[in-house]
Amino acid sequence: MRFHKILCPIDFSTGSDAAVKTAVRIANEHGAELELAHVWNLPASVSMTHGLVDLVTSDAQRTLEAKRKSVAAISTNKVSAKLLTGVPWSAIVDRVEHD
């Protein structure tokens, strides 16, 4: 079986970095596109102003783009990144189902 596109959810942790390395290796072996996805979730119990939400979201997007660039430097294929919102497992499943 050949993979054409690989989705690698990341949370910017050390464990996530290890998952990215594995995803890059598999993508390179299969000539597959690699998509990094980070899910930003604001629990309903947390209250933030719109300005603070925008700031946190913007920071997550910058961090994700920096990770995409560093991964693209070691990948032989296209690397994209997507910032998702919502409950992490649900947002990831939705991304897979709708792509």
N, C-alpha and C. Protein backbone atom coordinates (compact mmCIF):
# COMPACT_ATOMS: atom_id res chain seq x y z
N MET A 1 0.84 -1.18 0.00
CA MET A 1 0.00 0.00 0.00
C MET A 1 0.89 1.25 0.00
N ARG A 2 0.55 2.20 -0.87
CA ARG A 2 1.27 3.46 -0.94
C ARG A 2 0.44 4.55 -0.27
N PHE A 3 1.09 5.36 0.51
CA PHE A 3 0.43 6.52 1.11
C PHE A 3 0.60 7.71 0.17
N HIS A 4 -0.47 8.51 0.01
CA HIS A 4 -0.41 9.69 -0.83
C HIS A 4 -0.36 10.96 0.01
N LYS A 5 -1.00 10.91 1.17
CA LYS A 5 -1.01 12.05 2.07
C LYS A 5 -1.05 11.54 3.50
N ILE A 6 -0.22 12.14 4.34
CA ILE A 6 -0.13 11.74 5.74
C ILE A 6 -0.47 12.95 6.61
N LEU A 7 -1.39 12.76 7.54
CA LEU A 7 -1.75 13.80 8.50
C LEU A 7 -1.03 13.48 9.80
N CYS A 8 -0.26 14.44 10.29
CA CYS A 8 0.47 14.26 11.54
C CYS A 8 0.03 15.34 12.53
N PRO A 9 -0.86 15.01 13.47
CA PRO A 9 -1.25 15.98 14.49
C PRO A 9 -0.07 16.27 15.41
N ILE A 10 0.10 17.53 15.77
CA ILE A 10 1.22 17.91 16.64
C ILE A 10 0.73 18.85 17.74
N ASP A 11 1.44 18.77 18.88
CA ASP A 11 1.12 19.67 20.00
C ASP A 11 2.37 20.41 20.48
N PHE A 12 3.43 20.36 19.68
CA PHE A 12 4.70 21.05 19.94
C PHE A 12 5.47 20.46 21.12
N SER A 13 5.15 19.25 21.53
CA SER A 13 5.87 18.59 22.62
C SER A 13 7.01 17.73 22.06
N THR A 14 7.84 17.21 22.94
CA THR A 14 8.93 16.32 22.54
C THR A 14 8.38 15.06 21.89
N GLY A 15 7.31 14.51 22.43
CA GLY A 15 6.69 13.32 21.84
C GLY A 15 6.16 13.62 20.45
N SER A 16 5.63 14.80 20.29
CA SER A 16 5.12 15.23 18.99
C SER A 16 6.26 15.34 17.98
N ASP A 17 7.42 15.83 18.42
CA ASP A 17 8.58 15.92 17.53
C ASP A 17 9.00 14.54 17.04
N ALA A 18 8.91 13.53 17.91
CA ALA A 18 9.25 12.17 17.51
C ALA A 18 8.25 11.66 16.48
N ALA A 19 6.97 11.98 16.66
CA ALA A 19 5.95 11.57 15.69
C ALA A 19 6.19 12.23 14.34
N VAL A 20 6.61 13.49 14.34
CA VAL A 20 6.90 14.20 13.10
C VAL A 20 8.06 13.54 12.36
N LYS A 21 9.09 13.16 13.08
CA LYS A 21 10.24 12.49 12.44
C LYS A 21 9.80 11.19 11.76
N THR A 22 8.94 10.44 12.43
CA THR A 22 8.43 9.21 11.84
C THR A 22 7.56 9.51 10.63
N ALA A 23 6.71 10.51 10.74
CA ALA A 23 5.84 10.89 9.61
C ALA A 23 6.66 11.34 8.41
N VAL A 24 7.73 12.09 8.64
CA VAL A 24 8.61 12.54 7.54
C VAL A 24 9.25 11.33 6.87
N ARG A 25 9.73 10.39 7.67
CA ARG A 25 10.36 9.19 7.10
C ARG A 25 9.38 8.42 6.22
N ILE A 26 8.17 8.23 6.72
CA ILE A 26 7.17 7.49 5.95
C ILE A 26 6.78 8.27 4.70
N ALA A 27 6.58 9.57 4.83
CA ALA A 27 6.23 10.39 3.66
C ALA A 27 7.33 10.34 2.61
N ASN A 28 8.58 10.42 3.04
CA ASN A 28 9.70 10.35 2.09
C ASN A 28 9.76 8.99 1.40
N GLU A 29 9.51 7.92 2.14
CA GLU A 29 9.54 6.57 1.56
C GLU A 29 8.44 6.37 0.53
N HIS A 30 7.30 7.04 0.71
CA HIS A 30 6.14 6.82 -0.15
C HIS A 30 5.91 7.95 -1.15
N GLY A 31 6.73 8.99 -1.08
CA GLY A 31 6.50 10.13 -1.96
C GLY A 31 5.19 10.84 -1.63
N ALA A 32 4.83 10.82 -0.37
CA ALA A 32 3.54 11.34 0.07
C ALA A 32 3.66 12.77 0.59
N GLU A 33 2.57 13.51 0.41
CA GLU A 33 2.48 14.84 1.02
C GLU A 33 2.31 14.65 2.53
N LEU A 34 2.87 15.57 3.30
CA LEU A 34 2.76 15.53 4.75
C LEU A 34 2.03 16.79 5.21
N GLU A 35 0.98 16.60 5.97
CA GLU A 35 0.27 17.74 6.55
C GLU A 35 0.40 17.70 8.06
N LEU A 36 0.93 18.76 8.63
CA LEU A 36 0.99 18.91 10.07
C LEU A 36 -0.28 19.62 10.51
N ALA A 37 -0.87 19.16 11.59
CA ALA A 37 -2.09 19.78 12.10
C ALA A 37 -1.95 20.02 13.60
N HIS A 38 -2.28 21.22 14.00
CA HIS A 38 -2.30 21.55 15.43
C HIS A 38 -3.72 21.99 15.76
N VAL A 39 -4.26 21.46 16.84
CA VAL A 39 -5.62 21.81 17.24
C VAL A 39 -5.57 22.75 18.44
N TRP A 40 -6.17 23.91 18.26
CA TRP A 40 -6.28 24.88 19.34
C TRP A 40 -7.67 24.77 19.92
N ASN A 41 -7.74 24.52 21.23
CA ASN A 41 -9.03 24.29 21.87
C ASN A 41 -9.16 25.18 23.10
N LEU A 42 -10.23 25.91 23.14
CA LEU A 42 -10.56 26.73 24.31
C LEU A 42 -11.73 26.07 25.02
N PRO A 43 -11.45 25.42 26.16
CA PRO A 43 -12.54 24.76 26.88
C PRO A 43 -13.64 25.77 27.25
N ALA A 44 -14.87 25.31 27.26
CA ALA A 44 -16.02 26.17 27.55
C ALA A 44 -15.91 26.81 28.93
N SER A 45 -15.18 26.18 29.84
CA SER A 45 -15.07 26.70 31.20
C SER A 45 -14.07 27.85 31.31
N VAL A 46 -13.33 28.14 30.23
CA VAL A 46 -12.33 29.20 30.24
C VAL A 46 -12.89 30.40 29.50
N SER A 47 -12.74 31.56 30.11
CA SER A 47 -13.23 32.79 29.50
C SER A 47 -12.04 33.65 29.08
N MET A 48 -12.02 34.04 27.81
CA MET A 48 -10.95 34.91 27.29
C MET A 48 -11.58 36.00 26.43
N THR A 49 -10.97 37.16 26.44
CA THR A 49 -11.44 38.23 25.56
C THR A 49 -11.09 37.88 24.12
N HIS A 50 -11.79 38.50 23.18
CA HIS A 50 -11.50 38.25 21.76
C HIS A 50 -10.07 38.60 21.41
N GLY A 51 -9.55 39.68 22.01
CA GLY A 51 -8.17 40.09 21.75
C GLY A 51 -7.18 39.03 22.19
N LEU A 52 -7.42 38.44 23.35
CA LEU A 52 -6.53 37.40 23.86
C LEU A 52 -6.64 36.13 23.02
N VAL A 53 -7.84 35.78 22.61
CA VAL A 53 -8.04 34.61 21.73
C VAL A 53 -7.28 34.83 20.43
N ASP A 54 -7.39 36.02 19.86
CA ASP A 54 -6.67 36.34 18.62
C ASP A 54 -5.16 36.23 18.82
N LEU A 55 -4.67 36.71 19.95
CA LEU A 55 -3.24 36.65 20.24
C LEU A 55 -2.76 35.20 20.36
N VAL A 56 -3.48 34.38 21.09
CA VAL A 56 -3.11 32.98 21.28
C VAL A 56 -3.19 32.23 19.95
N THR A 57 -4.24 32.48 19.18
CA THR A 57 -4.39 31.83 17.88
C THR A 57 -3.27 32.23 16.94
N SER A 58 -2.93 33.50 16.93
CA SER A 58 -1.85 34.00 16.07
C SER A 58 -0.52 33.36 16.46
N ASP A 59 -0.28 33.23 17.76
CA ASP A 59 0.96 32.60 18.24
C ASP A 59 1.01 31.13 17.82
N ALA A 60 -0.11 30.44 17.93
CA ALA A 60 -0.17 29.02 17.52
C ALA A 60 0.10 28.90 16.02
N GLN A 61 -0.45 29.82 15.23
CA GLN A 61 -0.23 29.78 13.77
C GLN A 61 1.24 30.03 13.43
N ARG A 62 1.86 30.99 14.11
CA ARG A 62 3.30 31.26 13.87
C ARG A 62 4.16 30.07 14.26
N THR A 63 3.86 29.46 15.39
CA THR A 63 4.62 28.29 15.83
C THR A 63 4.44 27.13 14.86
N LEU A 64 3.23 26.93 14.39
CA LEU A 64 2.94 25.87 13.43
C LEU A 64 3.68 26.12 12.11
N GLU A 65 3.68 27.36 11.64
CA GLU A 65 4.38 27.68 10.39
C GLU A 65 5.89 27.48 10.54
N ALA A 66 6.44 27.83 11.69
CA ALA A 66 7.87 27.60 11.93
C ALA A 66 8.18 26.11 11.90
N LYS A 67 7.31 25.30 12.47
CA LYS A 67 7.49 23.85 12.46
C LYS A 67 7.38 23.32 11.03
N ARG A 68 6.42 23.85 10.25
CA ARG A 68 6.27 23.43 8.86
C ARG A 68 7.55 23.72 8.07
N LYS A 69 8.11 24.88 8.27
CA LYS A 69 9.34 25.24 7.55
C LYS A 69 10.50 24.33 7.93
N SER A 70 10.63 24.00 9.21
CA SER A 70 11.73 23.13 9.63
C SER A 70 11.55 21.72 9.10
N VAL A 71 10.31 21.26 9.04
CA VAL A 71 10.02 19.92 8.50
C VAL A 71 10.23 19.90 6.99
N ALA A 72 9.81 20.96 6.32
CA ALA A 72 9.98 21.04 4.86
C ALA A 72 11.46 20.97 4.48
N ALA A 73 12.33 21.45 5.36
CA ALA A 73 13.77 21.42 5.08
C ALA A 73 14.33 20.01 5.07
N ILE A 74 13.66 19.07 5.73
CA ILE A 74 14.16 17.69 5.78
C ILE A 74 13.28 16.71 5.00
N SER A 75 12.23 17.22 4.39
CA SER A 75 11.32 16.37 3.63
C SER A 75 11.62 16.48 2.14
N THR A 76 11.38 15.39 1.44
CA THR A 76 11.56 15.40 -0.01
C THR A 76 10.25 15.68 -0.73
N ASN A 77 9.18 15.91 0.03
CA ASN A 77 7.85 16.11 -0.54
C ASN A 77 7.21 17.37 0.01
N LYS A 78 6.02 17.68 -0.48
CA LYS A 78 5.28 18.85 -0.02
C LYS A 78 4.91 18.69 1.45
N VAL A 79 5.09 19.76 2.21
CA VAL A 79 4.69 19.79 3.61
C VAL A 79 3.78 20.99 3.80
N SER A 80 2.59 20.74 4.32
CA SER A 80 1.65 21.81 4.61
C SER A 80 1.30 21.78 6.09
N ALA A 81 0.63 22.82 6.54
CA ALA A 81 0.25 22.89 7.95
C ALA A 81 -1.14 23.50 8.06
N LYS A 82 -1.90 23.01 9.01
CA LYS A 82 -3.27 23.48 9.19
C LYS A 82 -3.53 23.66 10.68
N LEU A 83 -3.99 24.86 11.05
CA LEU A 83 -4.41 25.12 12.42
C LEU A 83 -5.90 24.82 12.51
N LEU A 84 -6.25 23.88 13.35
CA LEU A 84 -7.64 23.48 13.53
C LEU A 84 -8.12 23.99 14.89
N THR A 85 -9.42 24.09 15.05
CA THR A 85 -9.97 24.49 16.34
C THR A 85 -11.02 23.48 16.76
N GLY A 86 -11.19 23.37 18.06
CA GLY A 86 -12.21 22.47 18.60
C GLY A 86 -11.60 21.42 19.50
N VAL A 87 -12.39 20.43 19.80
CA VAL A 87 -11.93 19.30 20.61
C VAL A 87 -10.91 18.54 19.76
N PRO A 88 -9.69 18.37 20.25
CA PRO A 88 -8.62 17.82 19.40
C PRO A 88 -8.98 16.55 18.64
N TRP A 89 -9.44 15.51 19.32
CA TRP A 89 -9.70 14.25 18.61
C TRP A 89 -10.77 14.45 17.54
N SER A 90 -11.79 15.24 17.84
CA SER A 90 -12.87 15.45 16.90
C SER A 90 -12.40 16.27 15.68
N ALA A 91 -11.61 17.30 15.93
CA ALA A 91 -11.10 18.15 14.84
C ALA A 91 -10.20 17.33 13.91
N ILE A 92 -9.41 16.43 14.48
CA ILE A 92 -8.52 15.60 13.67
C ILE A 92 -9.32 14.62 12.82
N VAL A 93 -10.31 13.97 13.42
CA VAL A 93 -11.16 13.05 12.68
C VAL A 93 -11.89 13.78 11.56
N ASP A 94 -12.43 14.96 11.86
CA ASP A 94 -13.12 15.76 10.84
C ASP A 94 -12.17 16.10 9.68
N ARG A 95 -10.93 16.44 10.00
CA ARG A 95 -9.95 16.78 8.95
C ARG A 95 -9.72 15.59 8.03
N VAL A 96 -9.61 14.42 8.61
CA VAL A 96 -9.37 13.21 7.81
C VAL A 96 -10.61 12.90 6.96
N GLU A 97 -11.77 13.01 7.53
CA GLU A 97 -13.01 12.69 6.81
C GLU A 97 -13.31 13.67 5.69
N HIS A 98 -12.89 14.91 5.80
CA HIS A 98 -13.25 15.93 4.82
C HIS A 98 -12.10 16.33 3.91
N ASP A 99 -11.07 15.57 3.86
CA ASP A 99 -9.95 15.91 2.98
C ASP A 99 -9.80 14.89 1.88
